[in-house]
Structures are given as structure tokens and as C-alpha cells.
Amino acid sequence: SEFNLNPTQLGFLFSTFFLSYALLQIPAGYLVDRLDLKWLYAAAFVLWSLANAAVALAGSFATLLALRVLLSVGESISLPASSKILASQFREDQRGLANGIVDSGYKFGPAVGTMFGALFVARYGWRALFLVTGLGGLVWLVPWFRIAESVSGARRAAPAQATSGAMGARLTLRQMLASPRAWGTFAGNFCGGYVWYLMLSWLPSYLVMERHMPLAEMGVYCSFLFLATGLVSIATGLLTDRLIRRGCAAGRVRIGFAVAGLLLSTLLVPAGYAATPRGALLFLLLACGFYGFYSSNVW
């Protein structure tokens, strides 16, 4: 309301971040394969934390837009780096839980953030929230540097417990683009990304602007929805690992759960047509929970 943004401008602000974020994934992955992950991840994290904190100083729509793009430059390292660590450090029958735990961070963060953020904004204003979360996030660097030496070794050689072929022959970009598996994965990420970032970007706005919830109440409900997604992601990771250890084909298990999760996430649609806020929240809870089926298996 301070910048007098209409929903179209708000959507453009959200989408610009994701467009630049998407375009930066391939360069980020290239750097992850070639540079020391310890320092690369730390530098990117500092950039995205400071870009987030700088939003507190924004005075116009153009400044907000520029800072969102800068944020995407820093954040673009996250998924390639996490994928690299998972692929090199865990066996196939361990990756469901490992994926679930990593993915739960992407869900528990918003769960804490929306509840804390709504209460904080109601009392101190939105600028103070960006400043506190942006600078406060830098605390992550302390544990990162403590464990990063072992993580950096993942780029040089796979440990004994990793599966054979986890660090296999280097593929060219042309070979990757010629693979039906790769295109299947791209399509799955496209669909899953649509659902998750729709929830992450628009859910708070939807509950406040369309369902007319007070800010503090929205924070509680959003927190619960994201928490449910993270818990289901961990539980599904445990279940899929167990199925694989019992002899089920890993590809079939992972793809089956991912597809089922995406299909059931379409319960977001009736949430938009529910007659009451309570009915909308029920469908949102189901959609968010089932999304955990997908998110713990997609990598």
C-alpha cells in the first residue's frame, strides 16, 4: 500500500525475481562444478542477505525491482549447490530423507518467517523486517564455515558411501538436452516450481487481500500451511527410502510420488472457489501437504 502497487505490478515484481533466478541457474551450476563450494556459497549468501536488507531503504518501485534481481543473483546458487552435495554424499536409498530434510528448510523457513514477519510488521513496520532478516541471516555463515571443508571435498571425489556413478563421466550440455530423462525432470521442476512459488509469493497476499484476514492471523495460518508441507516432505522421504531398500525400483518410486504430489496439489484450485475462509484453508492445507510428496523426491 505504501507504493500504491496494484496486483499486476505486484505480480511483475514477483515474476522478475523468478525470471532472472531461472536464467542464472545454468551459470550457477557451472560455477558450482568448478569453484570451491565453501567460498562460492558464502559469497552468494552474503550478496542475497545484503540485497534483502537493502529493501528496507527502497524508495520506489524501480528500486524494489532492482533489489529483487540482485537477490536472485545471490540465491541462484542454492539449488545447484544443494543438489551437488546430495548427489555426492548420499546413497540412493538415503536421498529421500536427505532431500526431505533439505526441502523442509525451504518450508520451515517460510513457516517461521510468515508468523514472525506478520507480527513484526504489525508492530514495527515492513522496513524493519527486511533489515532484521537480511542482516540476521548472515549468522548462517558461522556453522557453514565450520562444516564447509568436508562439503567442499564433494566436488573433488565421492566418499565411500556414495553410489557408483554418482560422480560419473562429465556430460556435455548437448548430451543433457538430448536426454528424455532430463526433459522429464525439467517439466517436473516447471510444474512443481509453479505450485510452490505460487504458494510462497501469493499465499500471504491472497489471505489478506481476498480473504480479508488480519495480518497476525494470516501469519499463523500461513505458518501452519508451510509447516505441514515440510513435515510431509520429511515423512515421504523416509517412506520412499524404505521402499527402495525393500527392492522397489528407485526411479519408479521417486517419479510415482512426485507425480502423485503434483496431481494432488491441484486442490489449490477449489481453495480459490471456497465459500468461506475456513473452507479455503482446508483445501490449502491438503494441497500443501500433498506437495510434500513431490518436493522430497524431485531432486
Protein backbone atom coordinates (compact mmCIF):
# COMPACT_ATOMS: atom_id res chain seq x y z
CA SER A 1 0.00 0.00 0.00
CA GLU A 2 2.94 2.38 0.64
CA PHE A 3 4.00 2.17 -3.02
CA ASN A 4 0.37 2.01 -4.21
CA LEU A 5 1.03 -1.21 -6.16
CA ASN A 6 -1.84 -2.94 -7.92
CA PRO A 7 -1.93 -6.76 -8.24
CA THR A 8 -0.42 -6.62 -11.76
CA GLN A 9 2.58 -4.64 -10.56
CA LEU A 10 2.95 -6.95 -7.57
CA GLY A 11 2.92 -9.96 -9.89
CA PHE A 12 5.53 -8.33 -12.11
CA LEU A 13 7.71 -7.72 -9.05
CA PHE A 14 7.46 -11.40 -8.08
CA SER A 15 7.95 -12.73 -11.61
CA THR A 16 11.01 -10.60 -12.38
CA PHE A 17 12.83 -12.26 -9.49
CA PHE A 18 11.99 -15.74 -10.73
CA LEU A 19 12.82 -14.96 -14.36
CA SER A 20 16.32 -13.78 -13.51
CA TYR A 21 16.65 -16.61 -10.96
CA ALA A 22 15.77 -19.18 -13.64
CA LEU A 23 18.19 -17.73 -16.21
CA LEU A 24 21.01 -17.79 -13.65
CA GLN A 25 20.62 -21.48 -12.74
CA ILE A 26 22.87 -22.78 -15.54
CA PRO A 27 25.70 -20.29 -14.87
CA ALA A 28 25.37 -21.02 -11.14
CA GLY A 29 25.59 -24.76 -11.77
CA TYR A 30 28.64 -24.22 -13.98
CA LEU A 31 30.37 -22.36 -11.14
CA VAL A 32 29.38 -24.98 -8.55
CA ASP A 33 31.12 -27.66 -10.65
CA ARG A 34 34.34 -25.67 -10.94
CA LEU A 35 34.88 -23.49 -7.87
CA ASP A 36 35.33 -24.17 -4.16
CA LEU A 37 31.81 -24.53 -2.81
CA LYS A 38 32.82 -23.21 0.61
CA TRP A 39 33.65 -19.72 -0.65
CA LEU A 40 31.23 -19.65 -3.58
CA TYR A 41 28.19 -20.39 -1.43
CA ALA A 42 29.34 -17.96 1.29
CA ALA A 43 29.83 -15.10 -1.18
CA ALA A 44 26.44 -15.71 -2.80
CA PHE A 45 24.79 -15.89 0.61
CA VAL A 46 26.30 -12.55 1.68
CA LEU A 47 25.03 -10.98 -1.56
CA TRP A 48 21.47 -12.22 -1.14
CA SER A 49 21.36 -11.31 2.57
CA LEU A 50 22.55 -7.74 1.90
CA ALA A 51 20.16 -7.39 -1.06
CA ASN A 52 17.32 -8.45 1.23
CA ALA A 53 18.39 -5.98 3.95
CA ALA A 54 18.69 -3.16 1.39
CA VAL A 55 14.96 -3.43 0.60
CA ALA A 56 14.50 -1.54 3.88
CA LEU A 57 15.97 1.51 2.10
CA ALA A 58 13.87 1.23 -1.08
CA GLY A 59 12.04 4.39 -2.06
CA SER A 60 10.44 3.43 -5.37
CA PHE A 61 9.09 0.56 -7.43
CA ALA A 62 12.21 0.64 -9.64
CA THR A 63 14.50 0.25 -6.60
CA LEU A 64 12.44 -2.67 -5.32
CA LEU A 65 12.70 -4.30 -8.74
CA ALA A 66 16.48 -3.85 -8.93
CA LEU A 67 16.97 -5.29 -5.45
CA ARG A 68 14.79 -8.30 -6.30
CA VAL A 69 17.03 -9.02 -9.29
CA LEU A 70 20.14 -8.67 -7.11
CA LEU A 71 18.55 -11.05 -4.62
CA SER A 72 18.07 -13.62 -7.38
CA VAL A 73 21.76 -13.41 -8.33
CA GLY A 74 22.73 -14.47 -4.82
CA GLU A 75 20.01 -17.06 -4.35
CA SER A 76 20.67 -18.76 -7.69
CA ILE A 77 23.50 -20.77 -6.11
CA SER A 78 21.26 -22.55 -3.59
CA LEU A 79 19.67 -25.37 -5.60
CA PRO A 80 22.74 -26.34 -7.71
CA ALA A 81 24.91 -26.37 -4.57
CA SER A 82 22.41 -28.41 -2.55
CA SER A 83 21.96 -30.88 -5.41
CA LYS A 84 25.72 -31.31 -5.72
CA ILE A 85 26.06 -32.11 -2.03
CA LEU A 86 23.15 -34.57 -2.04
CA ALA A 87 24.39 -36.41 -5.13
CA SER A 88 27.92 -36.82 -3.82
CA GLN A 89 27.31 -37.51 -0.14
CA PHE A 90 24.30 -39.86 -0.01
CA ARG A 91 23.37 -43.25 -1.46
CA GLU A 92 20.19 -43.61 -3.50
CA ASP A 93 18.35 -45.24 -0.61
CA GLN A 94 19.32 -42.31 1.68
CA ARG A 95 18.43 -39.47 -0.65
CA GLY A 96 14.70 -39.39 0.09
CA LEU A 97 15.28 -38.43 3.72
CA ALA A 98 18.21 -36.17 2.82
CA ASN A 99 16.04 -34.47 0.20
CA GLY A 100 13.17 -34.21 2.65
CA ILE A 101 15.35 -32.54 5.28
CA VAL A 102 16.84 -30.07 2.80
CA ASP A 103 13.41 -29.37 1.32
CA SER A 104 11.89 -28.91 4.77
CA GLY A 105 14.26 -25.98 5.26
CA TYR A 106 12.56 -24.29 2.31
CA LYS A 107 9.23 -24.88 4.08
CA PHE A 108 10.10 -24.32 7.75
CA GLY A 109 11.83 -21.03 6.83
CA PRO A 110 8.61 -19.55 5.41
CA ALA A 111 6.65 -21.12 8.30
CA VAL A 112 8.73 -19.18 10.82
CA GLY A 113 9.06 -16.17 8.53
CA THR A 114 5.37 -15.62 7.88
CA MET A 115 4.39 -15.92 11.54
CA PHE A 116 7.29 -13.83 12.85
CA GLY A 117 7.09 -11.44 9.91
CA ALA A 118 3.38 -10.72 10.23
CA LEU A 119 3.68 -9.99 13.94
CA PHE A 120 6.85 -7.94 13.43
CA VAL A 121 5.39 -5.86 10.57
CA ALA A 122 2.22 -5.18 12.57
CA ARG A 123 4.36 -3.69 15.35
CA TYR A 124 7.49 -2.24 13.73
CA GLY A 125 6.70 -1.88 10.01
CA TRP A 126 7.90 -3.72 6.93
CA ARG A 127 11.23 -1.89 6.51
CA ALA A 128 12.49 -3.05 9.90
CA LEU A 129 11.59 -6.66 8.99
CA PHE A 130 13.77 -6.64 5.85
CA LEU A 131 16.64 -5.13 7.79
CA VAL A 132 16.44 -7.68 10.62
CA THR A 133 16.00 -10.76 8.42
CA GLY A 134 18.61 -9.66 5.87
CA LEU A 135 21.36 -8.92 8.38
CA GLY A 136 20.28 -11.62 10.84
CA GLY A 137 20.56 -14.27 8.14
CA LEU A 138 24.31 -13.73 8.00
CA VAL A 139 24.57 -15.76 11.21
CA TRP A 140 24.28 -18.83 8.94
CA LEU A 141 27.86 -18.24 7.81
CA VAL A 142 29.18 -19.34 11.22
CA PRO A 143 28.04 -23.00 11.03
CA TRP A 144 28.64 -23.06 7.26
CA PHE A 145 32.35 -22.35 7.63
CA ARG A 146 32.59 -24.98 10.37
CA ILE A 147 31.31 -27.78 8.11
CA ALA A 148 32.23 -26.49 4.66
CA GLU A 149 35.64 -28.17 4.47
CA SER A 150 34.02 -31.62 4.30
CA VAL A 151 31.36 -30.34 1.92
CA SER A 152 33.96 -28.85 -0.43
CA GLY A 153 35.53 -32.30 -0.74
CA ALA A 154 32.36 -33.41 -2.50
CA ARG A 155 33.47 -31.60 -5.65
CA ARG A 156 36.77 -33.48 -5.79
CA ALA A 157 35.81 -37.06 -5.02
CA ALA A 158 32.79 -39.02 -3.91
CA PRO A 159 33.02 -40.62 -0.46
CA ALA A 160 32.94 -44.37 0.01
CA GLN A 161 29.24 -44.47 0.82
CA ALA A 162 28.16 -42.73 -2.39
CA THR A 163 26.72 -44.83 -5.16
CA SER A 164 28.89 -45.81 -8.05
CA GLY A 165 28.34 -43.38 -10.88
CA ALA A 166 27.32 -40.55 -8.54
CA MET A 167 30.37 -38.65 -9.78
CA GLY A 168 30.38 -40.30 -13.20
CA ALA A 169 31.55 -39.12 -16.60
CA ARG A 170 31.02 -35.45 -17.40
CA LEU A 171 28.18 -34.89 -19.85
CA THR A 172 28.08 -32.11 -22.41
CA LEU A 173 25.15 -29.73 -22.49
CA ARG A 174 24.11 -31.25 -25.83
CA GLN A 175 24.02 -34.74 -24.29
CA MET A 176 21.90 -33.47 -21.41
CA LEU A 177 19.45 -31.76 -23.75
CA ALA A 178 19.15 -34.94 -25.81
CA SER A 179 18.04 -36.97 -22.78
CA PRO A 180 14.30 -37.66 -22.33
CA ARG A 181 15.01 -38.05 -18.59
CA ALA A 182 16.39 -34.53 -18.48
CA TRP A 183 13.31 -33.10 -20.22
CA GLY A 184 11.06 -35.06 -17.87
CA THR A 185 12.93 -33.54 -14.95
CA PHE A 186 12.69 -30.05 -16.46
CA ALA A 187 8.93 -30.47 -16.89
CA GLY A 188 8.54 -31.75 -13.34
CA ASN A 189 10.51 -28.82 -11.95
CA PHE A 190 8.47 -26.38 -14.04
CA CYS A 191 5.18 -27.72 -12.69
CA GLY A 192 6.43 -28.09 -9.14
CA GLY A 193 8.03 -24.66 -9.18
CA TYR A 194 4.76 -23.14 -10.35
CA VAL A 195 2.86 -24.63 -7.41
CA TRP A 196 5.46 -23.85 -4.74
CA TYR A 197 6.22 -20.29 -5.78
CA LEU A 198 2.53 -19.57 -6.26
CA MET A 199 2.10 -20.53 -2.61
CA LEU A 200 5.24 -18.75 -1.44
CA SER A 201 4.58 -15.48 -3.30
CA TRP A 202 0.81 -15.15 -3.33
CA LEU A 203 -0.50 -17.07 -0.30
CA PRO A 204 0.02 -14.25 2.26
CA SER A 205 -1.39 -11.66 -0.17
CA TYR A 206 -4.35 -13.90 -1.01
CA LEU A 207 -5.34 -14.42 2.63
CA VAL A 208 -5.07 -10.70 3.43
CA MET A 209 -6.39 -9.14 0.21
CA GLU A 210 -9.03 -11.67 -0.84
CA ARG A 211 -9.99 -13.42 2.41
CA HIS A 212 -9.58 -10.21 4.47
CA MET A 213 -7.62 -11.80 7.30
CA PRO A 214 -5.85 -9.55 9.81
CA LEU A 215 -2.08 -9.60 9.33
CA ALA A 216 -1.33 -11.50 12.55
CA GLU A 217 -3.97 -14.15 11.80
CA MET A 218 -2.61 -14.61 8.29
CA GLY A 219 0.83 -15.21 9.75
CA VAL A 220 -0.44 -18.02 11.95
CA TYR A 221 -2.35 -19.79 9.16
CA CYS A 222 0.44 -19.43 6.58
CA SER A 223 2.93 -20.73 9.11
CA PHE A 224 0.81 -23.81 9.72
CA LEU A 225 0.46 -24.50 5.97
CA PHE A 226 4.21 -24.29 5.33
CA LEU A 227 4.95 -26.36 8.43
CA ALA A 228 2.63 -29.12 7.18
CA THR A 229 4.44 -29.17 3.82
CA GLY A 230 7.83 -29.55 5.48
CA LEU A 231 6.70 -32.35 7.80
CA VAL A 232 5.11 -34.30 4.95
CA SER A 233 8.29 -33.85 2.89
CA ILE A 234 10.43 -35.47 5.61
CA ALA A 235 7.91 -38.28 6.22
CA THR A 236 7.65 -39.03 2.49
CA GLY A 237 11.43 -39.07 2.18
CA LEU A 238 11.62 -41.71 4.92
CA LEU A 239 8.88 -43.77 3.25
CA THR A 240 10.43 -43.71 -0.24
CA ASP A 241 13.87 -44.65 1.10
CA ARG A 242 12.30 -47.63 2.90
CA LEU A 243 10.53 -48.76 -0.28
CA ILE A 244 13.80 -48.58 -2.23
CA ARG A 245 15.68 -50.56 0.43
CA ARG A 246 12.99 -53.24 0.15
CA GLY A 247 13.76 -53.63 -3.54
CA CYS A 248 11.37 -51.25 -5.30
CA ALA A 249 12.82 -49.54 -8.36
CA ALA A 250 14.17 -46.14 -7.29
CA GLY A 251 13.06 -44.32 -10.44
CA ARG A 252 9.54 -45.69 -10.26
CA VAL A 253 9.20 -44.78 -6.57
CA ARG A 254 10.56 -41.25 -6.94
CA ILE A 255 8.61 -40.45 -10.11
CA GLY A 256 5.42 -42.02 -8.73
CA PHE A 257 5.44 -39.92 -5.58
CA ALA A 258 6.44 -36.77 -7.45
CA VAL A 259 3.62 -37.14 -9.99
CA ALA A 260 1.06 -38.01 -7.31
CA GLY A 261 2.11 -34.97 -5.29
CA LEU A 262 1.73 -32.64 -8.25
CA LEU A 263 -1.68 -34.03 -9.19
CA LEU A 264 -2.99 -33.72 -5.64
CA SER A 265 -1.57 -30.19 -5.36
CA THR A 266 -4.32 -29.13 -7.76
CA LEU A 267 -6.51 -28.90 -4.66
CA LEU A 268 -5.27 -25.31 -4.73
CA VAL A 269 -7.94 -24.69 -7.36
CA PRO A 270 -11.05 -25.36 -5.22
CA ALA A 271 -9.41 -23.26 -2.47
CA GLY A 272 -9.96 -20.24 -4.68
CA TYR A 273 -13.68 -21.04 -5.03
CA ALA A 274 -14.43 -21.98 -1.42
CA ALA A 275 -17.34 -20.06 0.08
CA THR A 276 -15.62 -19.37 3.40
CA PRO A 277 -12.05 -18.69 4.58
CA ARG A 278 -12.20 -21.89 6.64
CA GLY A 279 -13.08 -23.94 3.55
CA ALA A 280 -10.28 -22.29 1.58
CA LEU A 281 -7.80 -23.11 4.34
CA LEU A 282 -8.84 -26.78 4.34
CA PHE A 283 -8.11 -27.14 0.62
CA LEU A 284 -4.88 -25.16 1.01
CA LEU A 285 -3.75 -27.47 3.82
CA LEU A 286 -4.41 -30.57 1.71
CA ALA A 287 -2.66 -29.09 -1.33
CA CYS A 288 0.38 -28.01 0.71
CA GLY A 289 0.61 -31.39 2.44
CA PHE A 290 0.44 -33.36 -0.80
CA TYR A 291 3.04 -31.07 -2.33
CA GLY A 292 5.47 -32.67 0.15
CA PHE A 293 5.07 -35.94 -1.82
CA TYR A 294 6.61 -34.19 -4.80
CA SER A 295 9.22 -31.99 -3.18
CA SER A 296 11.06 -34.73 -1.26
CA ASN A 297 11.61 -36.79 -4.43
CA VAL A 298 12.11 -34.38 -7.31
CA TRP A 299 15.89 -33.97 -6.99
